[in-house]
N, C-alpha and C. Protein backbone atom coordinates (compact mmCIF):
# COMPACT_ATOMS: atom_id res chain seq x y z
N MET A 1 -7.05 -33.55 -23.18
CA MET A 1 -6.77 -33.13 -24.15
C MET A 1 -5.61 -32.38 -24.61
N PRO A 2 -4.92 -33.26 -25.01
CA PRO A 2 -3.09 -32.23 -25.29
C PRO A 2 -3.28 -30.61 -25.60
N ASP A 3 -2.58 -29.98 -25.11
CA ASP A 3 -2.49 -28.69 -25.81
C ASP A 3 -2.79 -28.60 -28.10
N LYS A 4 -3.05 -28.13 -29.13
CA LYS A 4 -3.17 -28.16 -29.73
C LYS A 4 -2.50 -26.45 -30.54
N PHE A 5 -1.70 -26.73 -31.74
CA PHE A 5 -1.20 -25.87 -32.30
C PHE A 5 -1.85 -25.46 -33.66
N ALA A 6 -2.55 -24.41 -33.74
CA ALA A 6 -3.66 -23.21 -34.76
C ALA A 6 -2.13 -23.60 -36.15
N PRO A 7 -2.57 -23.92 -37.31
CA PRO A 7 -1.58 -23.71 -38.64
C PRO A 7 -0.89 -21.87 -38.34
N GLY A 8 0.39 -21.84 -38.20
CA GLY A 8 1.13 -20.91 -38.38
C GLY A 8 1.68 -20.47 -36.82
N GLU A 9 1.13 -21.51 -35.77
CA GLU A 9 1.20 -21.00 -34.56
C GLU A 9 2.85 -21.67 -34.00
N ALA A 10 3.42 -21.09 -33.22
CA ALA A 10 4.69 -21.23 -32.49
C ALA A 10 4.46 -21.92 -31.33
N PHE A 11 3.58 -22.06 -30.71
CA PHE A 11 3.00 -22.49 -29.22
C PHE A 11 1.56 -22.45 -29.72
N PRO A 12 1.38 -23.94 -28.58
CA PRO A 12 -0.14 -24.55 -28.70
C PRO A 12 -1.09 -23.74 -28.05
N THR A 13 -1.97 -23.49 -28.13
CA THR A 13 -3.15 -22.66 -28.19
C THR A 13 -4.24 -23.84 -27.22
N LEU A 14 -5.44 -22.52 -26.78
CA LEU A 14 -6.67 -23.50 -25.90
C LEU A 14 -7.71 -22.95 -26.44
N SER A 15 -8.30 -24.42 -26.63
CA SER A 15 -10.07 -23.36 -27.12
C SER A 15 -10.32 -23.18 -25.66
N VAL A 16 -11.47 -22.53 -25.84
CA VAL A 16 -12.52 -21.43 -24.42
C VAL A 16 -12.69 -22.91 -23.85
N GLY A 17 -12.91 -24.43 -24.43
CA GLY A 17 -13.50 -25.36 -23.68
C GLY A 17 -12.67 -25.69 -22.73
N ASP A 18 -11.10 -26.31 -23.31
CA ASP A 18 -10.09 -26.62 -22.80
C ASP A 18 -10.09 -25.45 -21.76
N VAL A 19 -9.33 -23.98 -21.71
CA VAL A 19 -9.60 -23.10 -20.67
C VAL A 19 -10.02 -23.61 -19.06
N ALA A 20 -11.75 -23.10 -19.77
CA ALA A 20 -12.78 -23.41 -18.98
C ALA A 20 -12.53 -25.09 -17.89
N ARG A 21 -11.98 -26.12 -18.69
CA ARG A 21 -11.95 -27.48 -18.07
C ARG A 21 -10.88 -26.98 -17.13
N ARG A 22 -9.33 -25.80 -17.23
CA ARG A 22 -8.34 -26.33 -16.70
C ARG A 22 -8.70 -25.53 -15.97
N SER A 23 -9.21 -24.06 -15.74
CA SER A 23 -9.56 -23.33 -15.28
C SER A 23 -10.44 -23.63 -13.57
N GLY A 24 -11.58 -24.05 -14.31
CA GLY A 24 -12.50 -24.91 -13.52
C GLY A 24 -13.46 -23.40 -13.59
N VAL A 25 -13.32 -22.70 -14.90
CA VAL A 25 -14.04 -21.48 -14.72
C VAL A 25 -14.76 -21.88 -15.69
N ALA A 26 -16.72 -21.30 -15.81
CA ALA A 26 -17.61 -21.44 -16.67
C ALA A 26 -17.41 -20.57 -18.01
N VAL A 27 -17.11 -21.17 -18.90
CA VAL A 27 -17.56 -20.65 -20.39
C VAL A 27 -17.89 -19.53 -20.52
N SER A 28 -19.42 -19.03 -19.87
CA SER A 28 -19.80 -17.60 -19.58
C SER A 28 -18.78 -16.87 -19.22
N THR A 29 -18.36 -17.36 -17.76
CA THR A 29 -17.48 -16.62 -17.58
C THR A 29 -16.60 -15.93 -17.87
N LEU A 30 -15.33 -16.91 -19.03
CA LEU A 30 -14.23 -16.23 -19.83
C LEU A 30 -14.84 -15.64 -20.59
N HIS A 31 -16.60 -15.75 -21.63
CA HIS A 31 -16.75 -14.67 -22.44
C HIS A 31 -16.72 -13.12 -21.72
N PHE A 32 -17.24 -13.26 -20.54
CA PHE A 32 -17.09 -12.24 -19.50
C PHE A 32 -16.07 -11.49 -19.06
N TYR A 33 -15.10 -12.14 -18.76
CA TYR A 33 -13.85 -11.96 -18.79
C TYR A 33 -13.48 -11.14 -19.95
N GLU A 34 -13.36 -11.36 -20.65
CA GLU A 34 -13.03 -11.18 -22.01
C GLU A 34 -13.77 -9.69 -22.39
N THR A 35 -15.34 -9.87 -22.45
CA THR A 35 -15.43 -8.24 -22.36
C THR A 35 -15.25 -7.40 -21.26
N LYS A 36 -14.99 -7.70 -20.03
CA LYS A 36 -14.33 -6.86 -19.46
C LYS A 36 -12.82 -6.74 -19.61
N GLY A 37 -11.97 -7.61 -20.56
CA GLY A 37 -10.50 -6.72 -21.14
C GLY A 37 -9.70 -7.53 -20.22
N LEU A 38 -10.11 -8.58 -18.78
CA LEU A 38 -9.81 -9.33 -17.92
C LEU A 38 -8.63 -10.29 -18.58
N ILE A 39 -9.38 -11.14 -19.74
CA ILE A 39 -8.36 -11.42 -20.65
C ILE A 39 -8.25 -11.19 -22.07
N ALA A 40 -7.68 -11.70 -23.10
CA ALA A 40 -7.57 -11.79 -24.71
C ALA A 40 -7.50 -13.31 -25.05
N SER A 41 -8.62 -13.24 -26.22
CA SER A 41 -8.48 -14.07 -26.77
C SER A 41 -7.84 -13.55 -28.92
N ALA A 42 -7.56 -14.93 -29.19
CA ALA A 42 -7.78 -14.48 -30.53
C ALA A 42 -8.38 -15.33 -31.26
N ARG A 43 -8.88 -15.41 -32.40
CA ARG A 43 -9.57 -15.96 -33.23
C ARG A 43 -8.94 -16.94 -34.40
N SER A 44 -9.52 -18.32 -34.37
CA SER A 44 -8.51 -19.11 -35.53
C SER A 44 -9.28 -18.45 -37.02
N GLY A 45 -9.19 -19.74 -38.11
CA GLY A 45 -9.32 -19.58 -38.93
C GLY A 45 -11.38 -19.71 -39.31
N GLY A 46 -11.33 -20.48 -38.42
CA GLY A 46 -12.63 -21.00 -38.27
C GLY A 46 -13.66 -20.33 -37.13
N ASN A 47 -13.10 -19.17 -36.74
CA ASN A 47 -13.54 -18.05 -35.96
C ASN A 47 -14.08 -18.40 -34.85
N GLN A 48 -12.87 -19.65 -33.78
CA GLN A 48 -13.20 -20.11 -32.38
C GLN A 48 -12.08 -19.45 -31.60
N ARG A 49 -12.81 -19.29 -30.62
CA ARG A 49 -11.68 -18.23 -29.61
C ARG A 49 -10.24 -19.06 -29.62
N ARG A 50 -9.01 -18.95 -29.35
CA ARG A 50 -8.21 -19.76 -29.28
C ARG A 50 -7.10 -18.43 -27.77
N TYR A 51 -6.95 -19.20 -26.74
CA TYR A 51 -6.30 -18.59 -25.59
C TYR A 51 -5.36 -19.03 -26.25
N THR A 52 -3.69 -17.92 -25.45
CA THR A 52 -2.03 -18.81 -24.82
C THR A 52 -2.55 -19.34 -23.96
N ARG A 53 -1.18 -20.15 -23.10
CA ARG A 53 -1.26 -21.08 -21.95
C ARG A 53 -1.45 -20.22 -20.20
N ASP A 54 -0.99 -18.93 -20.90
CA ASP A 54 -0.38 -17.79 -19.69
C ASP A 54 -1.90 -17.23 -19.33
N VAL A 55 -3.32 -17.75 -20.29
CA VAL A 55 -4.21 -17.04 -19.76
C VAL A 55 -4.76 -17.69 -18.11
N LEU A 56 -4.44 -19.13 -18.18
CA LEU A 56 -4.75 -19.96 -17.24
C LEU A 56 -4.23 -19.13 -15.92
N ARG A 57 -3.00 -18.65 -15.88
CA ARG A 57 -2.69 -17.83 -14.53
C ARG A 57 -3.62 -16.56 -14.19
N ARG A 58 -3.91 -15.67 -15.10
CA ARG A 58 -4.38 -14.40 -15.18
C ARG A 58 -5.24 -15.20 -14.61
N ILE A 59 -6.68 -16.07 -15.50
CA ILE A 59 -7.56 -16.73 -14.24
C ILE A 59 -7.64 -16.68 -13.14
N ALA A 60 -6.35 -17.56 -12.54
CA ALA A 60 -6.09 -17.84 -11.38
C ALA A 60 -5.85 -16.72 -10.20
N PHE A 61 -5.02 -15.75 -10.53
CA PHE A 61 -5.37 -14.76 -10.30
C PHE A 61 -6.53 -13.83 -10.13
N ILE A 62 -7.29 -13.58 -11.27
CA ILE A 62 -8.82 -13.08 -11.02
C ILE A 62 -9.38 -13.96 -9.79
N ARG A 63 -9.53 -15.41 -9.42
CA ARG A 63 -10.42 -15.98 -8.85
C ARG A 63 -9.55 -15.78 -7.76
N VAL A 64 -8.71 -15.91 -7.16
CA VAL A 64 -7.59 -15.72 -5.72
C VAL A 64 -8.34 -14.60 -5.42
N ALA A 65 -7.98 -13.38 -6.36
CA ALA A 65 -8.33 -11.76 -6.00
C ALA A 65 -10.19 -12.05 -5.66
N GLN A 66 -10.69 -12.26 -6.24
CA GLN A 66 -12.29 -11.93 -5.90
C GLN A 66 -12.39 -12.69 -4.63
N ARG A 67 -11.76 -14.18 -4.31
CA ARG A 67 -11.96 -14.71 -3.14
C ARG A 67 -11.76 -14.39 -1.85
N VAL A 68 -11.10 -13.07 -1.88
CA VAL A 68 -10.43 -12.46 -0.87
C VAL A 68 -10.81 -11.00 -0.81
N GLY A 69 -11.99 -10.77 -1.94
CA GLY A 69 -12.77 -9.57 -1.34
C GLY A 69 -12.69 -8.13 -2.35
N ILE A 70 -11.65 -8.86 -3.34
CA ILE A 70 -11.35 -7.58 -4.23
C ILE A 70 -12.11 -7.29 -5.83
N SER A 71 -12.45 -6.23 -5.75
CA SER A 71 -13.85 -6.41 -6.89
C SER A 71 -13.03 -6.62 -8.47
N LEU A 72 -13.98 -6.95 -9.15
CA LEU A 72 -13.24 -7.21 -10.57
C LEU A 72 -12.80 -5.72 -11.15
N ALA A 73 -13.55 -4.80 -10.68
CA ALA A 73 -12.87 -3.31 -11.32
C ALA A 73 -11.88 -2.81 -10.45
N GLU A 74 -11.50 -3.74 -9.34
CA GLU A 74 -10.03 -2.98 -9.12
C GLU A 74 -9.07 -4.37 -9.63
N ILE A 75 -9.73 -5.71 -9.70
CA ILE A 75 -8.63 -6.30 -10.19
C ILE A 75 -8.49 -6.05 -11.89
N GLU A 76 -9.52 -5.66 -12.27
CA GLU A 76 -9.28 -4.81 -13.89
C GLU A 76 -8.28 -3.91 -14.37
N ALA A 77 -7.89 -2.81 -13.04
CA ALA A 77 -7.05 -1.98 -12.85
C ALA A 77 -5.72 -2.36 -12.59
N ALA A 78 -5.52 -3.68 -11.94
CA ALA A 78 -4.25 -3.96 -11.63
C ALA A 78 -4.21 -4.83 -12.82
N LEU A 79 -4.30 -5.52 -13.21
CA LEU A 79 -4.52 -6.68 -14.65
C LEU A 79 -3.92 -5.23 -15.24
N ALA A 80 -4.21 -4.21 -15.60
CA ALA A 80 -4.14 -2.66 -16.63
C ALA A 80 -2.53 -3.17 -16.80
N THR A 81 -1.76 -2.87 -15.45
CA THR A 81 -0.85 -2.22 -15.03
C THR A 81 0.45 -3.45 -15.70
N LEU A 82 0.12 -4.37 -15.84
CA LEU A 82 0.30 -6.03 -16.49
C LEU A 82 0.63 -5.79 -17.75
N GLY A 83 -0.31 -5.47 -18.83
CA GLY A 83 -0.67 -5.19 -20.19
C GLY A 83 -0.77 -7.10 -19.81
N SER A 84 -0.51 -7.45 -21.44
CA SER A 84 -1.35 -8.65 -21.45
C SER A 84 -0.12 -9.42 -20.48
N THR A 85 1.01 -9.35 -20.09
CA THR A 85 1.15 -10.77 -19.47
C THR A 85 0.67 -11.59 -18.26
N ALA A 86 0.89 -12.68 -18.11
CA ALA A 86 0.77 -13.55 -16.80
C ALA A 86 1.15 -12.91 -15.31
N PRO A 87 0.59 -12.61 -14.54
CA PRO A 87 1.30 -12.26 -13.66
C PRO A 87 1.98 -13.04 -12.92
N SER A 88 2.92 -12.52 -12.30
CA SER A 88 4.31 -12.96 -11.80
C SER A 88 4.00 -13.08 -10.06
N ARG A 89 4.89 -13.92 -9.39
CA ARG A 89 4.75 -14.16 -8.43
C ARG A 89 5.25 -12.86 -7.33
N ASP A 90 5.90 -11.72 -8.14
CA ASP A 90 6.18 -10.71 -7.70
C ASP A 90 5.80 -9.28 -8.43
N ASP A 91 4.29 -9.64 -9.15
CA ASP A 91 2.96 -8.77 -9.85
C ASP A 91 2.32 -8.90 -8.28
N TRP A 92 1.64 -10.34 -7.98
CA TRP A 92 1.29 -10.53 -6.83
C TRP A 92 1.09 -10.02 -5.42
N ALA A 93 2.40 -10.23 -5.31
CA ALA A 93 3.37 -9.59 -3.75
C ALA A 93 3.20 -7.96 -4.11
N ARG A 94 3.28 -7.33 -5.24
CA ARG A 94 3.08 -5.63 -5.12
C ARG A 94 1.62 -5.43 -4.98
N LEU A 95 0.73 -6.32 -5.43
CA LEU A 95 -0.71 -5.38 -6.02
C LEU A 95 -1.14 -6.26 -4.57
N SER A 96 -1.29 -7.06 -3.78
CA SER A 96 -1.86 -7.55 -2.49
C SER A 96 -1.33 -6.56 -1.73
N ALA A 97 -0.18 -5.84 -1.37
CA ALA A 97 0.48 -5.03 -0.27
C ALA A 97 -0.47 -3.81 -0.38
N ALA A 98 -0.84 -3.37 -2.14
CA ALA A 98 -1.82 -2.65 -2.05
C ALA A 98 -2.89 -2.50 -2.03
N TRP A 99 -3.49 -4.06 -1.67
CA TRP A 99 -4.61 -4.19 -1.12
C TRP A 99 -5.01 -4.50 -0.03
N ARG A 100 -3.69 -4.69 1.25
CA ARG A 100 -3.77 -5.58 2.15
C ARG A 100 -4.43 -4.15 3.28
N GLN A 101 -4.49 -2.73 3.06
CA GLN A 101 -5.15 -2.14 3.96
C GLN A 101 -6.57 -1.85 4.42
N ASP A 102 -7.04 -2.00 2.92
CA ASP A 102 -8.39 -2.30 2.26
C ASP A 102 -9.20 -3.08 2.80
N LEU A 103 -8.43 -4.36 2.82
CA LEU A 103 -9.14 -5.81 3.15
C LEU A 103 -8.86 -5.63 4.54
N ASP A 104 -7.81 -5.11 4.99
CA ASP A 104 -7.98 -5.09 6.80
C ASP A 104 -9.10 -3.87 7.63
N LEU A 105 -9.53 -3.04 6.35
CA LEU A 105 -10.44 -2.42 6.73
C LEU A 105 -11.92 -2.97 6.80
N ARG A 106 -11.92 -3.91 6.18
CA ARG A 106 -12.83 -4.84 5.60
C ARG A 106 -13.45 -5.78 6.55
N MET A 107 -12.18 -5.97 7.02
CA MET A 107 -12.24 -7.40 7.78
C MET A 107 -13.10 -6.67 9.25
N ALA A 108 -11.73 -5.50 9.79
CA ALA A 108 -12.34 -4.53 10.56
C ALA A 108 -13.99 -4.72 10.83
N GLN A 109 -14.50 -3.84 9.89
CA GLN A 109 -16.48 -3.62 9.24
C GLN A 109 -16.71 -5.03 9.33
N LEU A 110 -16.21 -6.36 9.25
CA LEU A 110 -16.82 -7.12 9.30
C LEU A 110 -17.17 -7.95 10.63
N LYS A 111 -16.17 -7.67 11.35
CA LYS A 111 -15.85 -8.66 12.85
C LYS A 111 -17.07 -7.24 13.66
N LYS A 112 -16.78 -6.46 13.33
CA LYS A 112 -17.89 -5.42 14.10
C LYS A 112 -19.25 -5.60 13.81
N LEU A 113 -19.18 -5.52 12.92
CA LEU A 113 -20.84 -6.31 12.18
C LEU A 113 -21.56 -7.74 12.67
N ARG A 114 -20.60 -8.28 12.98
CA ARG A 114 -20.46 -9.68 13.56
C ARG A 114 -20.87 -9.39 15.13
N ASP A 115 -20.48 -8.65 15.40
CA ASP A 115 -20.26 -8.61 17.34
C ASP A 115 -22.10 -7.57 17.59
N THR A 116 -21.55 -7.05 16.49
CA THR A 116 -23.28 -6.37 16.98
C THR A 116 -24.41 -6.99 15.97
N LEU A 117 -24.35 -7.93 15.65
CA LEU A 117 -25.01 -9.05 15.27
C LEU A 117 -25.91 -9.84 16.26
N ASP A 118 -24.80 -10.18 16.66
CA ASP A 118 -24.72 -11.12 18.04
C ASP A 118 -25.39 -10.98 18.57
N ASP A 119 -25.00 -9.16 19.35
CA ASP A 119 -25.90 -8.38 20.45
C ASP A 119 -27.15 -8.31 20.30
N CYS A 120 -27.89 -7.49 19.19
CA CYS A 120 -28.98 -7.93 18.65
C CYS A 120 -29.83 -9.29 18.63
N ILE A 121 -29.04 -10.18 18.35
CA ILE A 121 -29.33 -11.06 18.43
C ILE A 121 -30.05 -11.98 19.50
N GLY A 122 -28.80 -11.78 20.94
CA GLY A 122 -29.12 -12.11 22.12
C GLY A 122 -30.05 -11.25 22.97
N CYS A 123 -29.81 -9.83 22.62
CA CYS A 123 -30.89 -9.01 23.33
C CYS A 123 -32.34 -9.08 23.00
N GLY A 124 -32.68 -9.64 22.39
CA GLY A 124 -33.88 -9.55 21.70
C GLY A 124 -35.10 -8.16 21.29
N CYS A 125 -34.52 -7.32 21.67
CA CYS A 125 -35.08 -6.45 21.99
C CYS A 125 -36.00 -5.62 20.40
N LEU A 126 -35.17 -6.16 19.26
CA LEU A 126 -35.36 -5.04 18.24
C LEU A 126 -35.79 -3.55 18.14
N SER A 127 -35.10 -2.75 19.02
CA SER A 127 -35.51 -1.40 19.16
C SER A 127 -34.74 -0.54 18.59
N LEU A 128 -35.51 -0.11 17.69
CA LEU A 128 -35.22 1.50 17.29
C LEU A 128 -34.24 2.46 17.98
N GLU A 129 -34.57 2.36 19.07
CA GLU A 129 -34.23 3.46 20.18
C GLU A 129 -33.10 2.75 20.75
N ARG A 130 -32.49 1.64 20.94
CA ARG A 130 -31.33 0.71 21.31
C ARG A 130 -30.51 0.36 20.37
N CYS A 131 -31.16 0.54 19.62
CA CYS A 131 -30.36 -1.13 18.08
C CYS A 131 -29.01 -0.26 17.91
N ARG A 132 -27.94 -0.97 18.15
CA ARG A 132 -26.40 0.00 17.56
C ARG A 132 -26.23 -0.10 15.66
N LEU A 133 -27.42 -0.80 14.86
CA LEU A 133 -27.29 -0.09 13.41
C LEU A 133 -28.07 0.63 12.90
N ARG A 134 -29.41 1.12 13.85
CA ARG A 134 -30.16 1.97 13.77
C ARG A 134 -29.43 3.09 12.48
N ASN A 135 -30.62 3.92 12.23
CA ASN A 135 -30.03 5.47 11.37
C ASN A 135 -31.16 6.43 11.76
N PRO A 136 -30.47 6.66 13.40
CA PRO A 136 -31.02 7.87 14.26
C PRO A 136 -32.20 9.34 12.90
N GLN A 137 -33.19 9.32 12.94
CA GLN A 137 -34.13 10.44 11.98
C GLN A 137 -33.51 10.25 10.99
N ASP A 138 -32.95 9.07 10.42
CA ASP A 138 -32.90 8.56 8.71
C ASP A 138 -31.84 9.91 8.57
N LYS A 139 -30.56 10.36 9.01
CA LYS A 139 -29.71 11.35 9.00
C LYS A 139 -29.02 11.01 7.68
N LEU A 140 -28.87 9.16 6.96
CA LEU A 140 -28.20 9.00 5.81
C LEU A 140 -29.01 9.66 4.58
N ALA A 141 -30.41 9.53 5.17
CA ALA A 141 -31.24 9.87 3.74
C ALA A 141 -30.88 10.33 2.43
N SER A 142 -30.24 11.67 2.81
CA SER A 142 -29.45 12.33 1.51
C SER A 142 -28.46 12.05 0.78
N LYS A 143 -27.75 10.71 1.34
CA LYS A 143 -26.84 10.06 0.64
C LYS A 143 -27.46 8.77 -0.41
N GLY A 144 -28.79 8.68 -0.30
CA GLY A 144 -29.53 8.20 -1.39
C GLY A 144 -29.71 6.48 -0.85
N PRO A 145 -30.84 5.62 -1.72
CA PRO A 145 -30.93 4.16 -0.91
C PRO A 145 -29.56 3.62 -0.91
N GLY A 146 -29.82 2.64 -0.44
CA GLY A 146 -28.66 1.73 -0.04
C GLY A 146 -27.38 1.86 1.47
N PRO A 147 -27.32 0.74 1.87
CA PRO A 147 -26.46 1.15 2.91
C PRO A 147 -25.38 2.24 2.56
N HIS A 148 -25.02 3.44 3.48
CA HIS A 148 -23.84 3.65 3.67
C HIS A 148 -22.57 3.84 4.48
N ARG A 149 -22.94 3.18 5.45
CA ARG A 149 -21.59 2.78 6.66
C ARG A 149 -21.94 1.66 7.57
N ILE A 150 -20.87 1.80 8.24
CA ILE A 150 -21.15 0.32 9.60
C ILE A 150 -20.18 0.72 10.30
N TRP A 151 -21.09 1.39 11.44
CA TRP A 151 -20.19 1.46 13.12
C TRP A 151 -19.38 0.66 13.16
N ILE A 152 -18.09 1.86 13.49
CA ILE A 152 -16.91 0.85 13.45
C ILE A 152 -16.22 1.62 15.32
N GLY A 153 -17.16 2.61 15.67
CA GLY A 153 -16.60 3.18 16.52
C GLY A 153 -16.27 4.29 16.79
N GLN A 154 -16.28 5.30 15.59
CA GLN A 154 -15.85 6.50 15.52
C GLN A 154 -17.03 7.45 14.62
N SER A 155 -17.30 8.72 14.74
CA SER A 155 -18.22 8.99 14.46
C SER A 155 -17.67 10.75 13.93
N ALA A 156 -18.28 11.22 13.04
CA ALA A 156 -18.04 12.79 12.68
C ALA A 156 -19.07 13.28 13.47
N HIS A 157 -19.91 12.91 13.93
CA HIS A 157 -20.85 13.63 14.72
C HIS A 157 -21.10 12.52 16.22
N GLU A 158 -21.01 13.28 17.32
CA GLU A 158 -21.34 12.16 18.06
C GLU A 158 -22.71 12.06 18.56
N ASP A 159 -24.03 13.24 17.79
CA ASP A 159 -25.10 12.79 18.10
C ASP A 159 -25.35 11.40 17.29
N ASP A 160 -24.33 11.11 16.29
CA ASP A 160 -24.71 9.99 15.14
C ASP A 160 -24.18 9.11 15.92
N ALA A 161 -23.67 8.89 17.12
CA ALA A 161 -23.33 7.64 17.95
C ALA A 161 -24.19 6.76 18.12
N PRO A 162 -24.18 5.60 17.57
CA PRO A 162 -25.92 4.45 18.54
C PRO A 162 -25.74 4.51 19.70
N GLY A 163 -26.75 4.24 20.25
CA GLY A 163 -26.87 4.55 21.60
C GLY A 163 -27.51 3.13 22.52
């Protein structure tokens, strides 16, 4: 479907359906991105959302960043540094360089977790005394519910080290 000109517009705009179709993102996701401030639209005289074509690049940026594990909060902060413009190749290079160290750490944690799970599956002991994923004496209870660390081979307290 060709881009449409709204009355008084210098450049064609896209409807929410056009953006969804061209970006491969559900309309509900577009609305969510808009409420989070990740993308913006204008309203037509009939109160329909209208998007400029550069929103497609912003959505592509969001999707690629999510695919490599960047949180929406981090993406939002990154896009805020760009204002309303679409991210360029230089923007992606700058922002991805800032995310690289965090991604490297996550990859190391995931590899260690994978290797530890292989050990657990292979040994079959399921013993809390020997398991490398255990939390001895519930020492992390004060941190609140949920996981708080993944063992990577370093510990602030040697008695916390898995055994």
